[in-house]
Amino acid sequence: MHRTLEPGPARLLVIAHRGASADHPENTLAAFAAAAEAGADLVELDARITADGVAVALHDLDLDRTTDARGAVHAMPLAEVKRADASGGRGPRQEVPTLAEVLELLAGTGTGVDVEIKNLPGEPSYERGGAAIVEAVLGALEGFPGAAIVTSFDLSSLRTARRLAPEVATGLLTLGAEGPEAGLDLVLEDGHPWLLPHVFAVDRGGDELLGAARDRGVAVGTWTVDDEAAIERLFARGVAAVATNRPAIGVGARDRVAAAS
């Protein structure tokens, strides 16, 4: 199993945010297949857990926004979640996929996976440490032949992932309002190899942030950028990974920067 993600001039990473979600329903097999076809290095998906303990790809706490059903996914068994249509009227019916189904789709494509664990303080599904969702995610990743990284805004979930599977790359997500330097201190303290601030925070931290992370062996990625020129600038500055809803343009930007380096 390929677990390590080694960034560098020869391996700048394009991460397809919720799949190729600009053109396909987010967090669906159609979006993930299109992202792999576009040449994305990783697809990013949001992992939540059903009432019967299965990790599924869904951003929100509930089904209301992205499907024709209603209700909190953590209160539903998988069979009920599967009855929802996640197409949003964009093409044929799409189910909410399980993480295992996404990994089966990606196996052999050369595209890896960035699993964002959705275990957020203040939500009714929150569990400090995220043992249930972390174990479900790590269990699904067993045997996946591609690159994998587990990310989260919840530091306690990342700590659980590091404890249970230290060979799996982990990354801390931070928001634009948060100082990226504080995030760097946290990943250094816990040994997470990736820091993933919002693009506003990367811009605010500037080359000083990127240099400090590089000197300490931490890779910096960012999210979510859909402007091709902006993606190219970020890669040229030394950002190791960029998440985008438009992976095809991200691949073009990445390739130009890699060719020039």
C-alpha atoms as a PDB file:
ATOM      1  CA  MET A   1       0.000   0.000   0.000  1.00  0.00           C
ATOM      2  CA  HIS A   2       1.356   3.444  -0.963  1.00  0.00           C
ATOM      3  CA  ARG A   3       0.861   5.609   2.074  1.00  0.00           C
ATOM      4  CA  THR A   4       3.515   8.324   1.943  1.00  0.00           C
ATOM      5  CA  LEU A   5       3.092  11.536  -0.008  1.00  0.00           C
ATOM      6  CA  GLU A   6       6.437  13.072  -0.885  1.00  0.00           C
ATOM      7  CA  PRO A   7       5.963  16.562  -2.352  1.00  0.00           C
ATOM      8  CA  GLY A   8       8.614  18.332  -4.368  1.00  0.00           C
ATOM      9  CA  PRO A   9       9.275  19.936  -7.744  1.00  0.00           C
ATOM     10  CA  ALA A  10       8.646  16.628  -9.494  1.00  0.00           C
ATOM     11  CA  ARG A  11       5.468  15.884  -7.517  1.00  0.00           C
ATOM     12  CA  LEU A  12       3.203  18.863  -7.071  1.00  0.00           C
ATOM     13  CA  LEU A  13      -0.218  17.545  -6.152  1.00  0.00           C
ATOM     14  CA  VAL A  14      -3.561  18.473  -7.688  1.00  0.00           C
ATOM     15  CA  ILE A  15      -6.372  17.528  -5.326  1.00  0.00           C
ATOM     16  CA  ALA A  16      -9.858  17.313  -6.835  1.00  0.00           C
ATOM     17  CA  HIS A  17     -12.091  18.953  -4.209  1.00  0.00           C
ATOM     18  CA  ARG A  18     -15.106  16.670  -3.712  1.00  0.00           C
ATOM     19  CA  GLY A  19     -14.116  15.260  -7.104  1.00  0.00           C
ATOM     20  CA  ALA A  20     -14.467  17.246 -10.304  1.00  0.00           C
ATOM     21  CA  SER A  21     -17.259  19.103  -8.529  1.00  0.00           C
ATOM     22  CA  ALA A  22     -17.451  22.132 -10.828  1.00  0.00           C
ATOM     23  CA  ASP A  23     -18.927  19.882 -13.514  1.00  0.00           C
ATOM     24  CA  HIS A  24     -20.392  16.943 -11.588  1.00  0.00           C
ATOM     25  CA  PRO A  25     -22.404  16.463  -8.386  1.00  0.00           C
ATOM     26  CA  GLU A  26     -20.017  16.736  -5.442  1.00  0.00           C
ATOM     27  CA  ASN A  27     -18.834  13.647  -3.551  1.00  0.00           C
ATOM     28  CA  THR A  28     -20.280  11.221  -6.113  1.00  0.00           C
ATOM     29  CA  LEU A  29     -18.696   8.437  -8.110  1.00  0.00           C
ATOM     30  CA  ALA A  30     -19.288  10.488 -11.266  1.00  0.00           C
ATOM     31  CA  ALA A  31     -17.267  13.384  -9.831  1.00  0.00           C
ATOM     32  CA  PHE A  32     -14.479  11.095  -8.644  1.00  0.00           C
ATOM     33  CA  ALA A  33     -14.260   9.237 -11.958  1.00  0.00           C
ATOM     34  CA  ALA A  34     -14.056  12.528 -13.861  1.00  0.00           C
ATOM     35  CA  ALA A  35     -11.295  13.744 -11.528  1.00  0.00           C
ATOM     36  CA  ALA A  36      -9.244  10.593 -12.120  1.00  0.00           C
ATOM     37  CA  GLU A  37      -9.754  10.933 -15.877  1.00  0.00           C
ATOM     38  CA  ALA A  38      -8.538  14.554 -15.674  1.00  0.00           C
ATOM     39  CA  GLY A  39      -5.295  13.358 -14.079  1.00  0.00           C
ATOM     40  CA  ALA A  40      -5.820  14.563 -10.510  1.00  0.00           C
ATOM     41  CA  ASP A  41      -3.231  13.198  -8.111  1.00  0.00           C
ATOM     42  CA  LEU A  42      -5.812  12.806  -5.346  1.00  0.00           C
ATOM     43  CA  VAL A  43      -9.548  13.119  -4.991  1.00  0.00           C
ATOM     44  CA  GLU A  44     -10.710  14.816  -1.824  1.00  0.00           C
ATOM     45  CA  LEU A  45     -13.844  13.511  -0.176  1.00  0.00           C
ATOM     46  CA  ASP A  46     -15.642  14.262   3.058  1.00  0.00           C
ATOM     47  CA  ALA A  47     -16.148  11.221   5.265  1.00  0.00           C
ATOM     48  CA  ARG A  48     -19.067  10.872   7.646  1.00  0.00           C
ATOM     49  CA  ILE A  49     -20.308   7.778   9.401  1.00  0.00           C
ATOM     50  CA  THR A  50     -23.754   6.184   9.228  1.00  0.00           C
ATOM     51  CA  ALA A  51     -25.690   4.852  12.200  1.00  0.00           C
ATOM     52  CA  ASP A  52     -24.430   1.360  11.386  1.00  0.00           C
ATOM     53  CA  GLY A  53     -20.802   2.425  11.244  1.00  0.00           C
ATOM     54  CA  VAL A  54     -20.076   2.806   7.523  1.00  0.00           C
ATOM     55  CA  ALA A  55     -17.965   5.677   6.198  1.00  0.00           C
ATOM     56  CA  VAL A  56     -19.706   7.528   3.356  1.00  0.00           C
ATOM     57  CA  ALA A  57     -18.725  10.490   1.192  1.00  0.00           C
ATOM     58  CA  LEU A  58     -20.843  13.427   2.318  1.00  0.00           C
ATOM     59  CA  HIS A  59     -19.864  16.966   3.246  1.00  0.00           C
ATOM     60  CA  ASP A  60     -22.796  18.109   5.349  1.00  0.00           C
ATOM     61  CA  LEU A  61     -24.140  16.778   8.612  1.00  0.00           C
ATOM     62  CA  ASP A  62     -27.381  15.936   6.814  1.00  0.00           C
ATOM     63  CA  LEU A  63     -28.628  14.955   3.372  1.00  0.00           C
ATOM     64  CA  ASP A  64     -30.738  18.085   2.872  1.00  0.00           C
ATOM     65  CA  ARG A  65     -28.520  20.210   0.600  1.00  0.00           C
ATOM     66  CA  THR A  66     -26.973  17.625  -1.713  1.00  0.00           C
ATOM     67  CA  THR A  67     -29.725  15.001  -2.076  1.00  0.00           C
ATOM     68  CA  ASP A  68     -33.478  14.697  -2.447  1.00  0.00           C
ATOM     69  CA  ALA A  69     -33.749  13.294   1.089  1.00  0.00           C
ATOM     70  CA  ARG A  70     -33.598  14.834   4.539  1.00  0.00           C
ATOM     71  CA  GLY A  71     -32.042  13.874   7.849  1.00  0.00           C
ATOM     72  CA  ALA A  72     -28.713  13.528   9.609  1.00  0.00           C
ATOM     73  CA  VAL A  73     -26.536  10.809   8.152  1.00  0.00           C
ATOM     74  CA  HIS A  74     -25.196   9.696  11.547  1.00  0.00           C
ATOM     75  CA  ALA A  75     -28.774   8.848  12.586  1.00  0.00           C
ATOM     76  CA  MET A  76     -29.489   6.725   9.483  1.00  0.00           C
ATOM     77  CA  PRO A  77     -28.398   3.224   8.503  1.00  0.00           C
ATOM     78  CA  LEU A  78     -26.535   2.915   5.225  1.00  0.00           C
ATOM     79  CA  ALA A  79     -29.532   1.388   3.437  1.00  0.00           C
ATOM     80  CA  GLU A  80     -31.572   4.517   4.121  1.00  0.00           C
ATOM     81  CA  VAL A  81     -28.749   6.829   2.998  1.00  0.00           C
ATOM     82  CA  LYS A  82     -28.459   4.820  -0.206  1.00  0.00           C
ATOM     83  CA  ARG A  83     -32.075   5.558  -1.119  1.00  0.00           C
ATOM     84  CA  ALA A  84     -31.242   9.259  -1.572  1.00  0.00           C
ATOM     85  CA  ASP A  85     -30.450  10.727  -4.987  1.00  0.00           C
ATOM     86  CA  ALA A  86     -27.292  12.837  -4.817  1.00  0.00           C
ATOM     87  CA  SER A  87     -27.328  13.979  -8.456  1.00  0.00           C
ATOM     88  CA  GLY A  88     -28.946  17.325  -7.681  1.00  0.00           C
ATOM     89  CA  GLY A  89     -30.574  17.119 -11.101  1.00  0.00           C
ATOM     90  CA  ARG A  90     -27.168  17.136 -12.813  1.00  0.00           C
ATOM     91  CA  GLY A  91     -27.399  14.009 -14.924  1.00  0.00           C
ATOM     92  CA  PRO A  92     -28.538  10.509 -13.938  1.00  0.00           C
ATOM     93  CA  ARG A  93     -29.270   9.398 -10.401  1.00  0.00           C
ATOM     94  CA  GLN A  94     -26.252   9.179  -8.089  1.00  0.00           C
ATOM     95  CA  GLU A  95     -26.060   7.420  -4.749  1.00  0.00           C
ATOM     96  CA  VAL A  96     -24.121   8.708  -1.775  1.00  0.00           C
ATOM     97  CA  PRO A  97     -21.076   6.432  -2.142  1.00  0.00           C
ATOM     98  CA  THR A  98     -19.346   4.589   0.639  1.00  0.00           C
ATOM     99  CA  LEU A  99     -15.642   5.211   1.075  1.00  0.00           C
ATOM    100  CA  ALA A 100     -15.049   1.594   0.077  1.00  0.00           C
ATOM    101  CA  GLU A 101     -16.882   2.190  -3.222  1.00  0.00           C
ATOM    102  CA  VAL A 102     -14.770   5.269  -3.941  1.00  0.00           C
ATOM    103  CA  LEU A 103     -11.566   3.357  -3.265  1.00  0.00           C
ATOM    104  CA  GLU A 104     -12.693   0.508  -5.515  1.00  0.00           C
ATOM    105  CA  LEU A 105     -13.349   3.026  -8.292  1.00  0.00           C
ATOM    106  CA  LEU A 106      -9.931   4.656  -7.895  1.00  0.00           C
ATOM    107  CA  ALA A 107      -7.858   1.499  -7.526  1.00  0.00           C
ATOM    108  CA  GLY A 108      -5.665   1.136 -10.578  1.00  0.00           C
ATOM    109  CA  THR A 109      -6.309   4.655 -11.908  1.00  0.00           C
ATOM    110  CA  GLY A 110      -3.156   6.180 -10.419  1.00  0.00           C
ATOM    111  CA  THR A 111      -5.284   8.675  -8.495  1.00  0.00           C
ATOM    112  CA  GLY A 112      -5.107   8.547  -4.714  1.00  0.00           C
ATOM    113  CA  VAL A 113      -7.448   9.813  -2.037  1.00  0.00           C
ATOM    114  CA  ASP A 114      -7.577  12.638   0.508  1.00  0.00           C
ATOM    115  CA  VAL A 115     -10.144  11.643   3.128  1.00  0.00           C
ATOM    116  CA  GLU A 116     -11.349  14.569   5.194  1.00  0.00           C
ATOM    117  CA  ILE A 117     -12.797  13.304   8.451  1.00  0.00           C
ATOM    118  CA  LYS A 118     -15.896  15.322   9.290  1.00  0.00           C
ATOM    119  CA  ASN A 119     -15.974  15.253  13.081  1.00  0.00           C
ATOM    120  CA  LEU A 120     -16.656  18.819  14.067  1.00  0.00           C
ATOM    121  CA  PRO A 121     -17.088  20.160  17.616  1.00  0.00           C
ATOM    122  CA  GLY A 122     -20.583  21.543  18.096  1.00  0.00           C
ATOM    123  CA  GLU A 123     -22.260  19.061  15.755  1.00  0.00           C
ATOM    124  CA  PRO A 124     -24.550  16.442  17.347  1.00  0.00           C
ATOM    125  CA  SER A 125     -22.453  13.669  15.790  1.00  0.00           C
ATOM    126  CA  TYR A 126     -19.182  14.916  17.314  1.00  0.00           C
ATOM    127  CA  GLU A 127     -17.041  12.419  19.212  1.00  0.00           C
ATOM    128  CA  ARG A 128     -13.862  13.681  20.838  1.00  0.00           C
ATOM    129  CA  GLY A 129     -11.031  11.713  19.281  1.00  0.00           C
ATOM    130  CA  GLY A 130     -13.333  10.507  16.518  1.00  0.00           C
ATOM    131  CA  ALA A 131     -12.647   6.844  17.224  1.00  0.00           C
ATOM    132  CA  ALA A 132     -15.643   5.526  15.287  1.00  0.00           C
ATOM    133  CA  ILE A 133     -15.131   7.543  12.107  1.00  0.00           C
ATOM    134  CA  VAL A 134     -11.337   7.226  12.196  1.00  0.00           C
ATOM    135  CA  GLU A 135     -11.508   3.456  12.574  1.00  0.00           C
ATOM    136  CA  ALA A 136     -14.072   3.207   9.756  1.00  0.00           C
ATOM    137  CA  VAL A 137     -11.856   5.281   7.456  1.00  0.00           C
ATOM    138  CA  LEU A 138      -8.664   3.412   8.278  1.00  0.00           C
ATOM    139  CA  GLY A 139     -10.440   0.088   7.857  1.00  0.00           C
ATOM    140  CA  ALA A 140     -11.642   1.072   4.394  1.00  0.00           C
ATOM    141  CA  LEU A 141      -8.147   2.223   3.401  1.00  0.00           C
ATOM    142  CA  GLU A 142      -6.631  -1.184   4.179  1.00  0.00           C
ATOM    143  CA  GLY A 143      -5.522  -2.702   0.890  1.00  0.00           C
ATOM    144  CA  PHE A 144      -5.991   0.452  -1.193  1.00  0.00           C
ATOM    145  CA  PRO A 145      -3.048   0.524  -3.636  1.00  0.00           C
ATOM    146  CA  GLY A 146      -2.967   4.281  -4.205  1.00  0.00           C
ATOM    147  CA  ALA A 147      -1.652   7.238  -2.235  1.00  0.00           C
ATOM    148  CA  ALA A 148      -3.740   8.232   0.773  1.00  0.00           C
ATOM    149  CA  ILE A 149      -3.864  11.073   3.255  1.00  0.00           C
ATOM    150  CA  VAL A 150      -6.268  11.598   6.153  1.00  0.00           C
ATOM    151  CA  THR A 151      -7.114  15.226   6.919  1.00  0.00           C
ATOM    152  CA  SER A 152      -9.387  17.030   9.346  1.00  0.00           C
ATOM    153  CA  PHE A 153     -10.113  20.327  11.051  1.00  0.00           C
ATOM    154  CA  ASP A 154     -10.382  18.299  14.273  1.00  0.00           C
ATOM    155  CA  LEU A 155      -6.969  17.772  15.814  1.00  0.00           C
ATOM    156  CA  SER A 156      -8.231  15.050  18.149  1.00  0.00           C
ATOM    157  CA  SER A 157      -9.308  12.922  15.172  1.00  0.00           C
ATOM    158  CA  LEU A 158      -5.893  13.317  13.551  1.00  0.00           C
ATOM    159  CA  ARG A 159      -4.222  12.282  16.784  1.00  0.00           C
ATOM    160  CA  THR A 160      -6.325   9.130  16.821  1.00  0.00           C
ATOM    161  CA  ALA A 161      -5.367   8.389  13.225  1.00  0.00           C
ATOM    162  CA  ARG A 162      -1.657   8.869  14.017  1.00  0.00           C
ATOM    163  CA  ARG A 163      -1.952   6.547  17.013  1.00  0.00           C
ATOM    164  CA  LEU A 164      -3.812   3.798  15.167  1.00  0.00           C
ATOM    165  CA  ALA A 165      -1.984   3.974  11.824  1.00  0.00           C
ATOM    166  CA  PRO A 166       1.226   6.034  12.004  1.00  0.00           C
ATOM    167  CA  GLU A 167       2.110   4.962   8.472  1.00  0.00           C
ATOM    168  CA  VAL A 168      -0.840   6.923   7.046  1.00  0.00           C
ATOM    169  CA  ALA A 169      -0.076  10.537   6.125  1.00  0.00           C
ATOM    170  CA  THR A 170      -2.108  13.108   8.074  1.00  0.00           C
ATOM    171  CA  GLY A 171      -2.794  16.794   7.541  1.00  0.00           C
ATOM    172  CA  LEU A 172      -4.372  19.561   9.615  1.00  0.00           C
ATOM    173  CA  LEU A 173      -6.903  21.794   7.853  1.00  0.00           C
ATOM    174  CA  THR A 174      -7.192  25.384   9.064  1.00  0.00           C
ATOM    175  CA  LEU A 175      -9.467  28.279   8.126  1.00  0.00           C
ATOM    176  CA  GLY A 176      -8.599  31.643   6.637  1.00  0.00           C
ATOM    177  CA  ALA A 177      -9.289  33.472   9.897  1.00  0.00           C
ATOM    178  CA  GLU A 178      -6.751  31.363  11.767  1.00  0.00           C
ATOM    179  CA  GLY A 179      -3.080  32.260  11.845  1.00  0.00           C
ATOM    180  CA  PRO A 180      -1.214  29.659   9.773  1.00  0.00           C
ATOM    181  CA  GLU A 181       1.757  29.913  12.114  1.00  0.00           C
ATOM    182  CA  ALA A 182      -0.371  28.465  14.918  1.00  0.00           C
ATOM    183  CA  GLY A 183      -1.307  25.566  12.647  1.00  0.00           C
ATOM    184  CA  LEU A 184       2.356  24.957  11.900  1.00  0.00           C
ATOM    185  CA  ASP A 185       3.118  24.760  15.613  1.00  0.00           C
ATOM    186  CA  LEU A 186       0.339  22.205  16.071  1.00  0.00           C
ATOM    187  CA  VAL A 187       1.428  19.895  13.258  1.00  0.00           C
ATOM    188  CA  LEU A 188       5.014  20.039  14.461  1.00  0.00           C
ATOM    189  CA  GLU A 189       3.922  19.167  17.996  1.00  0.00           C
ATOM    190  CA  ASP A 190       1.915  16.144  16.857  1.00  0.00           C
ATOM    191  CA  GLY A 191       4.108  15.014  13.948  1.00  0.00           C
ATOM    192  CA  HIS A 192       1.613  15.547  11.115  1.00  0.00           C
ATOM    193  CA  PRO A 193       3.507  15.870   7.808  1.00  0.00           C
ATOM    194  CA  TRP A 194       0.968  18.211   6.167  1.00  0.00           C
ATOM    195  CA  LEU A 195      -0.475  21.642   6.997  1.00  0.00           C
ATOM    196  CA  LEU A 196      -3.471  22.656   4.878  1.00  0.00           C
ATOM    197  CA  PRO A 197      -4.550  26.268   5.483  1.00  0.00           C
ATOM    198  CA  HIS A 198      -7.213  28.044   3.449  1.00  0.00           C
ATOM    199  CA  VAL A 199      -5.698  29.952   0.523  1.00  0.00           C
ATOM    200  CA  PHE A 200      -6.366  33.285   2.270  1.00  0.00           C
ATOM    201  CA  ALA A 201      -4.162  32.161   5.156  1.00  0.00           C
ATOM    202  CA  VAL A 202      -1.436  30.995   2.771  1.00  0.00           C
ATOM    203  CA  ASP A 203      -1.463  34.382   1.084  1.00  0.00           C
ATOM    204  CA  ARG A 204      -1.316  36.141   4.451  1.00  0.00           C
ATOM    205  CA  GLY A 205       1.505  33.916   5.716  1.00  0.00           C
ATOM    206  CA  GLY A 206       3.469  34.502   2.517  1.00  0.00           C
ATOM    207  CA  ASP A 207       6.904  33.138   1.755  1.00  0.00           C
ATOM    208  CA  GLU A 208       7.818  33.302   5.442  1.00  0.00           C
ATOM    209  CA  LEU A 209       5.242  30.626   6.265  1.00  0.00           C
ATOM    210  CA  LEU A 210       6.270  28.433   3.340  1.00  0.00           C
ATOM    211  CA  GLY A 211       9.929  28.751   4.211  1.00  0.00           C
ATOM    212  CA  ALA A 212       9.359  27.979   7.890  1.00  0.00           C
ATOM    213  CA  ALA A 213       7.325  24.881   7.020  1.00  0.00           C
ATOM    214  CA  ARG A 214       9.891  23.700   4.473  1.00  0.00           C
ATOM    215  CA  ASP A 215      12.745  24.130   6.940  1.00  0.00           C
ATOM    216  CA  ARG A 216      10.873  21.958   9.442  1.00  0.00           C
ATOM    217  CA  GLY A 217       9.927  19.245   6.977  1.00  0.00           C
ATOM    218  CA  VAL A 218       6.220  20.115   6.790  1.00  0.00           C
ATOM    219  CA  ALA A 219       4.474  20.218   3.423  1.00  0.00           C
ATOM    220  CA  VAL A 220       1.926  22.999   2.879  1.00  0.00           C
ATOM    221  CA  GLY A 221      -1.154  22.478   0.762  1.00  0.00           C
ATOM    222  CA  THR A 222      -4.145  24.769   0.319  1.00  0.00           C
ATOM    223  CA  TRP A 223      -7.805  24.935  -0.706  1.00  0.00           C
ATOM    224  CA  THR A 224      -9.986  25.716  -2.683  1.00  0.00           C
ATOM    225  CA  VAL A 225      -8.697  27.507  -5.823  1.00  0.00           C
ATOM    226  CA  ASP A 226     -10.407  27.437  -9.213  1.00  0.00           C
ATOM    227  CA  ASP A 227      -8.462  30.135 -11.061  1.00  0.00           C
ATOM    228  CA  GLU A 228      -5.780  28.598 -13.284  1.00  0.00           C
ATOM    229  CA  ALA A 229      -3.310  31.469 -12.965  1.00  0.00           C
ATOM    230  CA  ALA A 230      -3.710  31.483  -9.182  1.00  0.00           C
ATOM    231  CA  ILE A 231      -3.046  27.732  -9.003  1.00  0.00           C
ATOM    232  CA  GLU A 232       0.080  28.174 -11.096  1.00  0.00           C
ATOM    233  CA  ARG A 233       1.318  30.971  -8.829  1.00  0.00           C
ATOM    234  CA  LEU A 234       0.776  28.874  -5.722  1.00  0.00           C
ATOM    235  CA  PHE A 235       2.741  25.946  -7.121  1.00  0.00           C
ATOM    236  CA  ALA A 236       5.519  28.270  -8.272  1.00  0.00           C
ATOM    237  CA  ARG A 237       5.756  29.737  -4.750  1.00  0.00           C
ATOM    238  CA  GLY A 238       6.345  26.318  -3.249  1.00  0.00           C
ATOM    239  CA  VAL A 239       2.861  25.215  -2.206  1.00  0.00           C
ATOM    240  CA  ALA A 240       2.978  21.433  -2.483  1.00  0.00           C
ATOM    241  CA  ALA A 241      -0.716  20.703  -3.101  1.00  0.00           C
ATOM    242  CA  VAL A 242      -3.716  22.698  -4.292  1.00  0.00           C
ATOM    243  CA  ALA A 243      -7.322  21.575  -3.957  1.00  0.00           C
ATOM    244  CA  THR A 244      -9.598  22.683  -6.779  1.00  0.00           C
ATOM    245  CA  ASN A 245     -13.108  21.982  -8.035  1.00  0.00           C
ATOM    246  CA  ARG A 246     -11.641  22.046 -11.574  1.00  0.00           C
ATOM    247  CA  PRO A 247      -8.870  19.418 -11.600  1.00  0.00           C
ATOM    248  CA  ALA A 248      -8.249  19.617 -15.355  1.00  0.00           C
ATOM    249  CA  ILE A 249      -7.018  23.209 -15.091  1.00  0.00           C
ATOM    250  CA  GLY A 250      -5.067  22.316 -11.969  1.00  0.00           C
ATOM    251  CA  VAL A 251      -3.237  19.595 -13.863  1.00  0.00           C
ATOM    252  CA  GLY A 252      -2.301  22.057 -16.605  1.00  0.00           C
ATOM    253  CA  ALA A 253      -0.962  24.564 -14.079  1.00  0.00           C
ATOM    254  CA  ARG A 254       0.957  21.879 -12.224  1.00  0.00           C
ATOM    255  CA  ASP A 255       2.558  20.540 -15.373  1.00  0.00           C
ATOM    256  CA  ARG A 256       3.720  23.972 -16.496  1.00  0.00           C
ATOM    257  CA  VAL A 257       5.357  24.692 -13.151  1.00  0.00           C
ATOM    258  CA  ALA A 258       6.975  21.250 -12.972  1.00  0.00           C
ATOM    259  CA  ALA A 259       8.354  21.646 -16.505  1.00  0.00           C
ATOM    260  CA  ALA A 260       9.846  25.024 -15.673  1.00  0.00           C
ATOM    261  CA  SER A 261      11.533  23.882 -12.456  1.00  0.00           C
END
